[in-house]
């Protein structure tokens, strides 16, 4: 079909989804066909009833889990340059155009990945006495007095894991030639081999190297009590001054650590029937870093909200900073994802995306390649028909600087174990799929308008009003 070949070439849509592929143009007014079925073709609604342990939760209301059929198949993932090392269970932090990859399961090496150059640079290694398995890395709050565009230095906190450690790194842009030479100078001075010789360094030289967290009197600080099991721990930074570290960990615990006083100020128990480990834990805020609800009254009330998902457990967690108290509210969890943890997850505005995951059935490990989406405000779930190319777990998901691409880094699968995986996908394909479908279909109409001669040659008639009506209906509008 010459007509369709010219259409595809004109729009260069080989890598796009949601473009209508027409077998018989005469029937376009009555039906449209996509490349793949976008969602399961049945609309499912599943009511969740509270389990006994949740009956006393405040403001609990039974909610509905909904799976929609009106989501198009998202664009494929783009494979990027392979990781320099096999990596699973990594922790990553974004710094401008860099994704800082901070070790992984039994892997101490740390790298910087440049999202524009698509290149990696080795930063350093964790100390030789640190064994990494299920650790957590967060970026500490930046100085509010600095212009965010001018900040070249950040501080990372690494803690927890099966074998607890508490370390910090003062990181400077490794792709800046001046910074690179400065870092390289003291690395050469120490003949760095994975051990920390920080006592030989002056304070200004302690960049891009993991060192113990210390208080104002230079005493080492350890995060976690002896009885705390921090394997698969997850944490977020919050509070009125971004000074609180909220830690969720096995079996069903949440703690608050004050980064100013280096003391725990709160321990509490999460209302859940399954254990919490290798889970999703995010801030429920506009910027992903903090949410402070401040009432314009004489006495300001400060509240910080987080979301947690692990297996069958979904929780909204609200922390009252004034009263140092938690409130928990149960959230629905879709059946398809309820057996799993160890998935990659990314929060984008009002949506949390989940990639892969694993669970155990007896002695058999089940690895998923499914993709799920949770709408925070609507409190609903969607399972995409499209899947990862291979089952994957213990991978890490992270947004780039301008929030346009999601990177999936490392992971394991049942066949090969740890892999060199690094891929990315465009956010818009997952968050606004109906709009993508509409725009691509609109391009099709524009093409038809400017190629009427081709239609005349093929003696084809098109009911443009019906097509337009279908396009608007596809994104939820009546025309």
Foldseek 3Di string as FASTA:
>chain_A
DVVVVVVCVVVVCPQFWLFWDDPAQQCLLPDTDTPDQWAPPDKDKDKDDDDPLCPPAPPEDIDIAIADRLFGHFGAWFFAPFFPDFAFLWEWDADAQWIWTQAHQQGFWIWIAGNVVSDIDTQAGAAPVDGAAQKYKDWADDDPVDDSVPDQWTKMWIFAAQDTATWMATEGDCPDPVVVVLLVVVCVVVVDDRHDPCVPDDPVSRHSYIDFDAAPVRHGAGPDDPPFHRRQKYWAFEDPVSQWIWIAAPAFKIWIAGNNVSHTDDIDGHSDPGGDGLWDKWWQDQVRHWDFDFDPDPDTWTKTWMWIDDQQWTWIWIATPVVRDIHIYTAGDDPVPNQFHQWAWDDDGQKIKTAWGWHDDPPDIDIGFWIKMAGNVSRYIYTTPDGHPAGWGSWYWDAHDVRFKIWTAWTQHPPPGGTSTIIMGTPCSPPPRLVSSLVSHVSVVVVCVVPVVVCVVVVHDHDVVSSVQVSQVSRPDGD
